[in-house]
Protein backbone atom coordinates (compact mmCIF):
# COMPACT_ATOMS: atom_id res chain seq x y z
CA MET A 1 -16.90 -3.17 -6.67
CA LYS A 2 -18.36 0.23 -8.00
CA CYS A 3 -15.58 3.14 -7.42
CA PRO A 4 -17.06 5.22 -4.39
CA ILE A 5 -14.45 8.01 -5.20
CA CYS A 6 -15.47 8.85 -8.92
CA LYS A 7 -18.65 6.59 -8.55
CA HIS A 8 -18.33 5.55 -12.36
CA GLY A 9 -15.59 2.72 -12.52
CA GLU A 10 -15.27 -0.54 -11.22
CA THR A 11 -12.24 -2.01 -9.53
CA THR A 12 -10.30 -4.35 -10.61
CA ASP A 13 -7.23 -6.59 -9.44
CA GLY A 14 -4.28 -4.69 -9.55
CA THR A 15 -0.98 -3.19 -7.74
CA ALA A 16 -0.09 0.25 -6.54
CA SER A 17 2.35 2.22 -4.73
CA VAL A 18 2.00 2.97 -1.20
CA THR A 19 3.80 6.23 0.62
CA LEU A 20 3.50 5.92 4.39
CA GLN A 21 5.21 8.54 6.38
CA ARG A 22 5.65 8.12 10.20
CA GLY A 23 8.04 10.67 12.50
CA GLY A 24 10.92 11.17 10.49
CA LEU A 25 10.37 7.78 8.00
CA THR A 26 9.09 7.82 4.33
CA LEU A 27 8.32 4.56 3.25
CA VAL A 28 7.58 3.61 -0.22
CA VAL A 29 6.29 0.46 -1.36
CA LYS A 30 5.68 -0.61 -4.95
CA ASP A 31 3.52 -3.41 -6.50
CA VAL A 32 1.10 -3.75 -3.44
CA PRO A 33 -1.87 -5.90 -4.07
CA ALA A 34 -5.01 -3.39 -4.36
CA GLN A 35 -8.38 -2.83 -6.42
CA VAL A 36 -7.59 -0.30 -9.06
CA CYS A 37 -10.77 1.79 -10.25
CA ASP A 38 -10.90 1.48 -13.82
CA ASN A 39 -12.02 5.31 -14.41
CA CYS A 40 -10.40 7.62 -11.88
CA GLY A 41 -7.37 5.09 -10.94
CA GLU A 42 -8.00 5.12 -7.34
CA ALA A 43 -6.27 2.62 -5.73
CA TYR A 44 -8.18 0.06 -2.48
CA VAL A 45 -4.96 -1.90 -0.51
CA GLU A 46 -6.45 -5.04 0.61
CA GLU A 47 -6.76 -5.37 4.74
CA GLN A 48 -4.02 -7.72 4.74
CA ALA A 49 -1.42 -5.76 2.65
CA ALA A 50 -2.35 -2.99 4.79
CA ALA A 51 -1.40 -4.64 8.17
CA GLN A 52 1.60 -5.64 6.72
CA LEU A 53 2.82 -2.60 5.18
CA LEU A 54 1.57 -0.79 8.69
CA GLU A 55 3.63 -3.19 10.83
CA GLU A 56 6.92 -2.53 8.45
CA ALA A 57 6.60 0.92 8.34
CA ALA A 58 6.53 0.52 12.52
CA ALA A 59 9.56 -1.62 12.20
CA GLU A 60 11.49 0.87 9.72
CA ALA A 61 10.94 3.69 11.93
CA ARG A 62 11.89 1.87 15.26
CA ALA A 63 15.08 1.26 13.54
CA GLY A 64 15.80 4.91 12.80
CA THR A 65 15.27 4.73 8.69
CA GLU A 66 14.39 7.91 7.09
CA ILE A 67 13.89 6.84 3.36
CA ASN A 68 13.23 3.33 2.18
CA VAL A 69 11.69 2.37 -1.08
CA ARG A 70 10.90 -1.45 -1.76
CA HIS A 71 8.73 -3.68 -3.44
CA PHE A 72 6.15 -5.62 -1.73
CA GLN A 73 6.87 -9.03 -0.69
CA VAL A 74 4.23 -10.86 0.99
CA ALA A 75 5.33 -12.07 4.26
CA SER A 76 5.96 -15.38 5.22
CA LEU A 77 3.92 -17.58 7.57
CA SER A 78 6.55 -18.74 9.66
């Protein structure tokens, strides 16, 4: 797709690092599947990955985690 930010690049399959903050929690997740602009580098996280990230952030916040850095892993279907 054409990048809506720079309006010049095309997005391709890639990965990105995502930082989420909620309350006192900072969660950094690396290697998240995304569409990445070949011109400006803007990353667009795929819907399923975004939903999983939000669930993980909520769980970490409930557990009282302050800082967590991890690599993205696809949730199991069990």
